[in-house]
Amino acid sequence: MPGFVMLDLLGTEPSAEEQELMVHPQCCGVILFTRNYIDPQQITALCTALHALKSPPLLIAVAILDLGVEFAHVTEVLHAR
């Protein structure tokens, strides 16, 4: 039985290669880190773009150990959905 994987992003938006990996049937989600965060508007747009890549939408997780004070806004955005 094949397993599922979660990926991370190198920057604040997915590259073409990352998008290609995320639409693979075995990819179930993305883990976000502080390197993926600029401000609340950017993270909202990023989450929207990630969800639009496939159906059902990718799970979006936040790396808690990597959270900074500003990055806490990500959880607010995710909970608002």
PDB file of N, CA and C in Angstrom:
ATOM      1  N   MET A   1       0.846  -1.176   0.000  1.00  0.00           N
ATOM      2  CA  MET A   1       0.000   0.000   0.000  1.00  0.00           C
ATOM      3  C   MET A   1       0.893   1.242   0.000  1.00  0.00           C
ATOM      4  N   PRO A   2       0.672   2.160  -0.926  1.00  0.00           N
ATOM      5  CA  PRO A   2       1.498   3.367  -0.967  1.00  0.00           C
ATOM      6  C   PRO A   2       1.172   4.293   0.198  1.00  0.00           C
ATOM      7  N   GLY A   3       2.179   5.036   0.618  1.00  0.00           N
ATOM      8  CA  GLY A   3       1.990   6.020   1.678  1.00  0.00           C
ATOM      9  C   GLY A   3       1.755   7.394   1.095  1.00  0.00           C
ATOM     10  N   PHE A   4       1.518   8.333   1.991  1.00  0.00           N
ATOM     11  CA  PHE A   4       1.314   9.714   1.580  1.00  0.00           C
ATOM     12  C   PHE A   4       2.443  10.566   2.133  1.00  0.00           C
ATOM     13  N   VAL A   5       2.715  11.671   1.465  1.00  0.00           N
ATOM     14  CA  VAL A   5       3.784  12.567   1.906  1.00  0.00           C
ATOM     15  C   VAL A   5       3.260  13.995   2.026  1.00  0.00           C
ATOM     16  N   MET A   6       3.910  14.745   2.920  1.00  0.00           N
ATOM     17  CA  MET A   6       3.676  16.178   3.027  1.00  0.00           C
ATOM     18  C   MET A   6       4.971  16.860   2.614  1.00  0.00           C
ATOM     19  N   LEU A   7       4.839  17.942   1.890  1.00  0.00           N
ATOM     20  CA  LEU A   7       6.002  18.672   1.382  1.00  0.00           C
ATOM     21  C   LEU A   7       6.138  20.012   2.079  1.00  0.00           C
ATOM     22  N   ASP A   8       7.304  20.628   1.917  1.00  0.00           N
ATOM     23  CA  ASP A   8       7.495  21.999   2.375  1.00  0.00           C
ATOM     24  C   ASP A   8       7.864  22.844   1.173  1.00  0.00           C
ATOM     25  N   LEU A   9       7.825  24.146   1.341  1.00  0.00           N
ATOM     26  CA  LEU A   9       8.181  25.080   0.276  1.00  0.00           C
ATOM     27  C   LEU A   9       9.496  25.764   0.621  1.00  0.00           C
ATOM     28  N   LEU A  10      10.279  26.067  -0.397  1.00  0.00           N
ATOM     29  CA  LEU A  10      11.539  26.769  -0.158  1.00  0.00           C
ATOM     30  C   LEU A  10      11.345  28.254   0.096  1.00  0.00           C
ATOM     31  N   GLY A  11      10.298  28.829  -0.497  1.00  0.00           N
ATOM     32  CA  GLY A  11      10.116  30.275  -0.390  1.00  0.00           C
ATOM     33  C   GLY A  11       8.703  30.660  -0.019  1.00  0.00           C
ATOM     34  N   THR A  12       8.304  31.846  -0.454  1.00  0.00           N
ATOM     35  CA  THR A  12       6.997  32.382  -0.086  1.00  0.00           C
ATOM     36  C   THR A  12       5.901  32.053  -1.096  1.00  0.00           C
ATOM     37  N   GLU A  13       6.265  31.390  -2.166  1.00  0.00           N
ATOM     38  CA  GLU A  13       5.281  30.890  -3.120  1.00  0.00           C
ATOM     39  C   GLU A  13       5.850  29.631  -3.767  1.00  0.00           C
ATOM     40  N   PRO A  14       4.983  28.706  -4.176  1.00  0.00           N
ATOM     41  CA  PRO A  14       5.495  27.451  -4.733  1.00  0.00           C
ATOM     42  C   PRO A  14       6.104  27.640  -6.117  1.00  0.00           C
ATOM     43  N   SER A  15       7.249  27.015  -6.314  1.00  0.00           N
ATOM     44  CA  SER A  15       7.877  27.020  -7.634  1.00  0.00           C
ATOM     45  C   SER A  15       7.107  26.061  -8.538  1.00  0.00           C
ATOM     46  N   ALA A  16       7.404  26.100  -9.828  1.00  0.00           N
ATOM     47  CA  ALA A  16       6.756  25.190 -10.780  1.00  0.00           C
ATOM     48  C   ALA A  16       7.055  23.736 -10.400  1.00  0.00           C
ATOM     49  N   GLU A  17       8.281  23.462  -9.995  1.00  0.00           N
ATOM     50  CA  GLU A  17       8.652  22.101  -9.597  1.00  0.00           C
ATOM     51  C   GLU A  17       7.891  21.669  -8.339  1.00  0.00           C
ATOM     52  N   GLU A  18       7.762  22.577  -7.365  1.00  0.00           N
ATOM     53  CA  GLU A  18       7.022  22.255  -6.149  1.00  0.00           C
ATOM     54  C   GLU A  18       5.549  22.001  -6.465  1.00  0.00           C
ATOM     55  N   GLN A  19       4.976  22.804  -7.353  1.00  0.00           N
ATOM     56  CA  GLN A  19       3.578  22.606  -7.740  1.00  0.00           C
ATOM     57  C   GLN A  19       3.386  21.248  -8.403  1.00  0.00           C
ATOM     58  N   GLU A  20       4.335  20.871  -9.239  1.00  0.00           N
ATOM     59  CA  GLU A  20       4.263  19.571  -9.906  1.00  0.00           C
ATOM     60  C   GLU A  20       4.271  18.433  -8.875  1.00  0.00           C
ATOM     61  N   LEU A  21       5.108  18.572  -7.855  1.00  0.00           N
ATOM     62  CA  LEU A  21       5.156  17.560  -6.798  1.00  0.00           C
ATOM     63  C   LEU A  21       3.872  17.542  -5.978  1.00  0.00           C
ATOM     64  N   MET A  22       3.294  18.711  -5.728  1.00  0.00           N
ATOM     65  CA  MET A  22       2.100  18.794  -4.895  1.00  0.00           C
ATOM     66  C   MET A  22       0.867  18.194  -5.543  1.00  0.00           C
ATOM     67  N   VAL A  23       0.795  18.163  -6.865  1.00  0.00           N
ATOM     68  CA  VAL A  23      -0.368  17.578  -7.517  1.00  0.00           C
ATOM     69  C   VAL A  23      -0.236  16.065  -7.681  1.00  0.00           C
ATOM     70  N   HIS A  24       0.899  15.506  -7.301  1.00  0.00           N
ATOM     71  CA  HIS A  24       1.083  14.057  -7.350  1.00  0.00           C
ATOM     72  C   HIS A  24       0.058  13.398  -6.429  1.00  0.00           C
ATOM     73  N   PRO A  25      -0.516  12.279  -6.834  1.00  0.00           N
ATOM     74  CA  PRO A  25      -1.543  11.617  -6.020  1.00  0.00           C
ATOM     75  C   PRO A  25      -1.106  11.247  -4.599  1.00  0.00           C
ATOM     76  N   GLN A  26       0.182  11.042  -4.389  1.00  0.00           N
ATOM     77  CA  GLN A  26       0.651  10.665  -3.052  1.00  0.00           C
ATOM     78  C   GLN A  26       0.940  11.856  -2.148  1.00  0.00           C
ATOM     79  N   CYS A  27       0.868  13.071  -2.678  1.00  0.00           N
ATOM     80  CA  CYS A  27       1.061  14.260  -1.846  1.00  0.00           C
ATOM     81  C   CYS A  27      -0.279  14.625  -1.216  1.00  0.00           C
ATOM     82  N   CYS A  28      -0.278  14.708   0.114  1.00  0.00           N
ATOM     83  CA  CYS A  28      -1.535  15.028   0.804  1.00  0.00           C
ATOM     84  C   CYS A  28      -1.516  16.408   1.451  1.00  0.00           C
ATOM     85  N   GLY A  29      -0.346  17.065   1.509  1.00  0.00           N
ATOM     86  CA  GLY A  29      -0.319  18.356   2.164  1.00  0.00           C
ATOM     87  C   GLY A  29       1.011  19.063   2.102  1.00  0.00           C
ATOM     88  N   VAL A  30       1.021  20.239   2.735  1.00  0.00           N
ATOM     89  CA  VAL A  30       2.191  21.114   2.767  1.00  0.00           C
ATOM     90  C   VAL A  30       2.407  21.581   4.201  1.00  0.00           C
ATOM     91  N   ILE A  31       3.652  21.634   4.608  1.00  0.00           N
ATOM     92  CA  ILE A  31       4.011  22.165   5.922  1.00  0.00           C
ATOM     93  C   ILE A  31       4.620  23.548   5.713  1.00  0.00           C
ATOM     94  N   LEU A  32       4.082  24.551   6.380  1.00  0.00           N
ATOM     95  CA  LEU A  32       4.595  25.917   6.261  1.00  0.00           C
ATOM     96  C   LEU A  32       5.531  26.252   7.409  1.00  0.00           C
ATOM     97  N   PHE A  33       6.600  26.965   7.083  1.00  0.00           N
ATOM     98  CA  PHE A  33       7.604  27.417   8.042  1.00  0.00           C
ATOM     99  C   PHE A  33       7.705  28.947   7.968  1.00  0.00           C
ATOM    100  N   THR A  34       8.462  29.546   8.867  1.00  0.00           N
ATOM    101  CA  THR A  34       8.597  31.006   8.859  1.00  0.00           C
ATOM    102  C   THR A  34       9.160  31.517   7.539  1.00  0.00           C
ATOM    103  N   ARG A  35       9.958  30.740   6.849  1.00  0.00           N
ATOM    104  CA  ARG A  35      10.519  31.185   5.560  1.00  0.00           C
ATOM    105  C   ARG A  35       9.433  31.362   4.501  1.00  0.00           C
ATOM    106  N   ASN A  36       8.248  30.817   4.756  1.00  0.00           N
ATOM    107  CA  ASN A  36       7.145  30.917   3.809  1.00  0.00           C
ATOM    108  C   ASN A  36       6.236  32.107   4.095  1.00  0.00           C
ATOM    109  N   TYR A  37       6.540  32.880   5.124  1.00  0.00           N
ATOM    110  CA  TYR A  37       5.655  33.940   5.602  1.00  0.00           C
ATOM    111  C   TYR A  37       6.243  35.328   5.397  1.00  0.00           C
ATOM    112  N   ILE A  38       5.429  36.236   4.829  1.00  0.00           N
ATOM    113  CA  ILE A  38       5.794  37.647   4.735  1.00  0.00           C
ATOM    114  C   ILE A  38       4.833  38.475   5.589  1.00  0.00           C
ATOM    115  N   ASP A  39       3.544  38.331   5.310  1.00  0.00           N
ATOM    116  CA  ASP A  39       2.520  39.082   6.045  1.00  0.00           C
ATOM    117  C   ASP A  39       1.191  38.339   5.908  1.00  0.00           C
ATOM    118  N   PRO A  40       0.160  38.765   6.643  1.00  0.00           N
ATOM    119  CA  PRO A  40      -1.115  38.046   6.592  1.00  0.00           C
ATOM    120  C   PRO A  40      -1.730  37.964   5.182  1.00  0.00           C
ATOM    121  N   GLN A  41      -1.614  39.015   4.388  1.00  0.00           N
ATOM    122  CA  GLN A  41      -2.182  38.988   3.041  1.00  0.00           C
ATOM    123  C   GLN A  41      -1.476  37.947   2.169  1.00  0.00           C
ATOM    124  N   GLN A  42      -0.158  37.890   2.262  1.00  0.00           N
ATOM    125  CA  GLN A  42       0.613  36.935   1.461  1.00  0.00           C
ATOM    126  C   GLN A  42       0.289  35.513   1.871  1.00  0.00           C
ATOM    127  N   ILE A  43       0.191  35.243   3.167  1.00  0.00           N
ATOM    128  CA  ILE A  43      -0.059  33.874   3.609  1.00  0.00           C
ATOM    129  C   ILE A  43      -1.477  33.449   3.246  1.00  0.00           C
ATOM    130  N   THR A  44      -2.416  34.390   3.244  1.00  0.00           N
ATOM    131  CA  THR A  44      -3.779  34.085   2.805  1.00  0.00           C
ATOM    132  C   THR A  44      -3.775  33.698   1.331  1.00  0.00           C
ATOM    133  N   ALA A  45      -3.062  34.471   0.518  1.00  0.00           N
ATOM    134  CA  ALA A  45      -2.974  34.172  -0.917  1.00  0.00           C
ATOM    135  C   ALA A  45      -2.271  32.832  -1.146  1.00  0.00           C
ATOM    136  N   LEU A  46      -1.228  32.561  -0.375  1.00  0.00           N
ATOM    137  CA  LEU A  46      -0.505  31.295  -0.504  1.00  0.00           C
ATOM    138  C   LEU A  46      -1.419  30.122  -0.175  1.00  0.00           C
ATOM    139  N   CYS A  47      -2.153  30.203   0.917  1.00  0.00           N
ATOM    140  CA  CYS A  47      -3.062  29.119   1.308  1.00  0.00           C
ATOM    141  C   CYS A  47      -4.147  28.914   0.254  1.00  0.00           C
ATOM    142  N   THR A  48      -4.670  29.997  -0.285  1.00  0.00           N
ATOM    143  CA  THR A  48      -5.682  29.907  -1.331  1.00  0.00           C
ATOM    144  C   THR A  48      -5.112  29.210  -2.564  1.00  0.00           C
ATOM    145  N   ALA A  49      -3.898  29.599  -2.954  1.00  0.00           N
ATOM    146  CA  ALA A  49      -3.250  28.990  -4.124  1.00  0.00           C
ATOM    147  C   ALA A  49      -2.971  27.509  -3.894  1.00  0.00           C
ATOM    148  N   LEU A  50      -2.518  27.158  -2.698  1.00  0.00           N
ATOM    149  CA  LEU A  50      -2.237  25.754  -2.399  1.00  0.00           C
ATOM    150  C   LEU A  50      -3.506  24.920  -2.430  1.00  0.00           C
ATOM    151  N   HIS A  51      -4.583  25.446  -1.880  1.00  0.00           N
ATOM    152  CA  HIS A  51      -5.851  24.717  -1.887  1.00  0.00           C
ATOM    153  C   HIS A  51      -6.394  24.534  -3.302  1.00  0.00           C
ATOM    154  N   ALA A  52      -6.095  25.463  -4.187  1.00  0.00           N
ATOM    155  CA  ALA A  52      -6.608  25.398  -5.558  1.00  0.00           C
ATOM    156  C   ALA A  52      -5.868  24.379  -6.431  1.00  0.00           C
ATOM    157  N   LEU A  53      -4.747  23.872  -5.959  1.00  0.00           N
ATOM    158  CA  LEU A  53      -3.948  22.972  -6.781  1.00  0.00           C
ATOM    159  C   LEU A  53      -4.603  21.630  -7.049  1.00  0.00           C
ATOM    160  N   LYS A  54      -5.378  21.120  -6.090  1.00  0.00           N
ATOM    161  CA  LYS A  54      -5.990  19.818  -6.310  1.00  0.00           C
ATOM    162  C   LYS A  54      -7.239  19.662  -5.469  1.00  0.00           C
ATOM    163  N   SER A  55      -8.024  18.657  -5.833  1.00  0.00           N
ATOM    164  CA  SER A  55      -9.247  18.371  -5.103  1.00  0.00           C
ATOM    165  C   SER A  55      -9.241  16.893  -4.722  1.00  0.00           C
ATOM    166  N   PRO A  56      -9.478  16.573  -3.469  1.00  0.00           N
ATOM    167  CA  PRO A  56      -9.700  17.493  -2.363  1.00  0.00           C
ATOM    168  C   PRO A  56      -8.456  18.345  -2.107  1.00  0.00           C
ATOM    169  N   PRO A  57      -8.636  19.500  -1.469  1.00  0.00           N
ATOM    170  CA  PRO A  57      -7.498  20.411  -1.274  1.00  0.00           C
ATOM    171  C   PRO A  57      -6.424  19.816  -0.373  1.00  0.00           C
ATOM    172  N   LEU A  58      -5.217  20.284  -0.599  1.00  0.00           N
ATOM    173  CA  LEU A  58      -4.080  19.869   0.229  1.00  0.00           C
ATOM    174  C   LEU A  58      -4.294  20.282   1.683  1.00  0.00           C
ATOM    175  N   LEU A  59      -3.854  19.440   2.585  1.00  0.00           N
ATOM    176  CA  LEU A  59      -3.811  19.791   3.999  1.00  0.00           C
ATOM    177  C   LEU A  59      -2.684  20.794   4.178  1.00  0.00           C
ATOM    178  N   ILE A  60      -2.912  21.858   4.930  1.00  0.00           N
ATOM    179  CA  ILE A  60      -1.869  22.844   5.200  1.00  0.00           C
ATOM    180  C   ILE A  60      -1.572  22.798   6.689  1.00  0.00           C
ATOM    181  N   ALA A  61      -0.319  22.480   7.011  1.00  0.00           N
ATOM    182  CA  ALA A  61       0.117  22.396   8.402  1.00  0.00           C
ATOM    183  C   ALA A  61       1.133  23.503   8.674  1.00  0.00           C
ATOM    184  N   VAL A  62       1.242  23.880   9.940  1.00  0.00           N
ATOM    185  CA  VAL A  62       2.198  24.905  10.359  1.00  0.00           C
ATOM    186  C   VAL A  62       3.197  24.256  11.307  1.00  0.00           C
ATOM    187  N   ALA A  63       4.479  24.441  11.042  1.00  0.00           N
ATOM    188  CA  ALA A  63       5.530  23.894  11.898  1.00  0.00           C
ATOM    189  C   ALA A  63       5.594  24.724  13.175  1.00  0.00           C
ATOM    190  N   ILE A  64       5.026  24.202  14.239  1.00  0.00           N
ATOM    191  CA  ILE A  64       4.909  24.934  15.503  1.00  0.00           C
ATOM    192  C   ILE A  64       6.279  25.308  16.070  1.00  0.00           C
ATOM    193  N   LEU A  65       7.253  24.434  15.995  1.00  0.00           N
ATOM    194  CA  LEU A  65       8.572  24.724  16.557  1.00  0.00           C
ATOM    195  C   LEU A  65       9.262  25.866  15.838  1.00  0.00           C
ATOM    196  N   ASP A  66       8.800  26.180  14.649  1.00  0.00           N
ATOM    197  CA  ASP A  66       9.410  27.228  13.839  1.00  0.00           C
ATOM    198  C   ASP A  66       8.640  28.550  13.950  1.00  0.00           C
ATOM    199  N   LEU A  67       7.580  28.552  14.737  1.00  0.00           N
ATOM    200  CA  LEU A  67       6.728  29.738  14.801  1.00  0.00           C
ATOM    201  C   LEU A  67       7.435  30.931  15.437  1.00  0.00           C
ATOM    202  N   GLY A  68       7.282  32.060  14.795  1.00  0.00           N
ATOM    203  CA  GLY A  68       7.710  33.316  15.380  1.00  0.00           C
ATOM    204  C   GLY A  68       6.461  34.081  15.793  1.00  0.00           C
ATOM    205  N   VAL A  69       6.629  35.193  16.448  1.00  0.00           N
ATOM    206  CA  VAL A  69       5.476  35.970  16.904  1.00  0.00           C
ATOM    207  C   VAL A  69       4.609  36.377  15.721  1.00  0.00           C
ATOM    208  N   GLU A  70       5.219  36.882  14.649  1.00  0.00           N
ATOM    209  CA  GLU A  70       4.452  37.308  13.482  1.00  0.00           C
ATOM    210  C   GLU A  70       3.790  36.129  12.780  1.00  0.00           C
ATOM    211  N   PHE A  71       4.440  34.983  12.789  1.00  0.00           N
ATOM    212  CA  PHE A  71       3.941  33.822  12.062  1.00  0.00           C
ATOM    213  C   PHE A  71       2.669  33.278  12.689  1.00  0.00           C
ATOM    214  N   ALA A  72       2.373  33.663  13.912  1.00  0.00           N
ATOM    215  CA  ALA A  72       1.145  33.216  14.559  1.00  0.00           C
ATOM    216  C   ALA A  72      -0.080  33.634  13.760  1.00  0.00           C
ATOM    217  N   HIS A  73       0.035  34.654  12.910  1.00  0.00           N
ATOM    218  CA  HIS A  73      -1.084  35.085  12.064  1.00  0.00           C
ATOM    219  C   HIS A  73      -1.533  33.968  11.131  1.00  0.00           C
ATOM    220  N   VAL A  74      -0.630  33.073  10.765  1.00  0.00           N
ATOM    221  CA  VAL A  74      -0.974  31.983   9.864  1.00  0.00           C
ATOM    222  C   VAL A  74      -2.078  31.124  10.460  1.00  0.00           C
ATOM    223  N   THR A  75      -1.972  30.827  11.744  1.00  0.00           N
ATOM    224  CA  THR A  75      -3.000  29.997  12.358  1.00  0.00           C
ATOM    225  C   THR A  75      -4.331  30.726  12.370  1.00  0.00           C
ATOM    226  N   GLU A  76      -4.315  32.037  12.518  1.00  0.00           N
ATOM    227  CA  GLU A  76      -5.559  32.812  12.467  1.00  0.00           C
ATOM    228  C   GLU A  76      -6.182  32.696  11.081  1.00  0.00           C
ATOM    229  N   VAL A  77      -5.370  32.775  10.043  1.00  0.00           N
ATOM    230  CA  VAL A  77      -5.862  32.673   8.673  1.00  0.00           C
ATOM    231  C   VAL A  77      -6.453  31.296   8.434  1.00  0.00           C
ATOM    232  N   LEU A  78      -5.747  30.257   8.876  1.00  0.00           N
ATOM    233  CA  LEU A  78      -6.209  28.905   8.637  1.00  0.00           C
ATOM    234  C   LEU A  78      -7.493  28.604   9.407  1.00  0.00           C
ATOM    235  N   HIS A  79      -7.600  29.115  10.628  1.00  0.00           N
ATOM    236  CA  HIS A  79      -8.804  28.867  11.420  1.00  0.00           C
ATOM    237  C   HIS A  79      -9.999  29.656  10.905  1.00  0.00           C
ATOM    238  N   ALA A  80      -9.746  30.745  10.193  1.00  0.00           N
ATOM    239  CA  ALA A  80     -10.832  31.576   9.667  1.00  0.00           C
ATOM    240  C   ALA A  80     -11.535  30.922   8.481  1.00  0.00           C
ATOM    241  N   ARG A  81     -10.921  29.910   7.890  1.00  0.00           N
ATOM    242  CA  ARG A  81     -11.494  29.250   6.705  1.00  0.00           C
ATOM    243  C   ARG A  81     -12.621  28.350   7.068  1.00  0.00           C
TER     244      ARG A  81
END
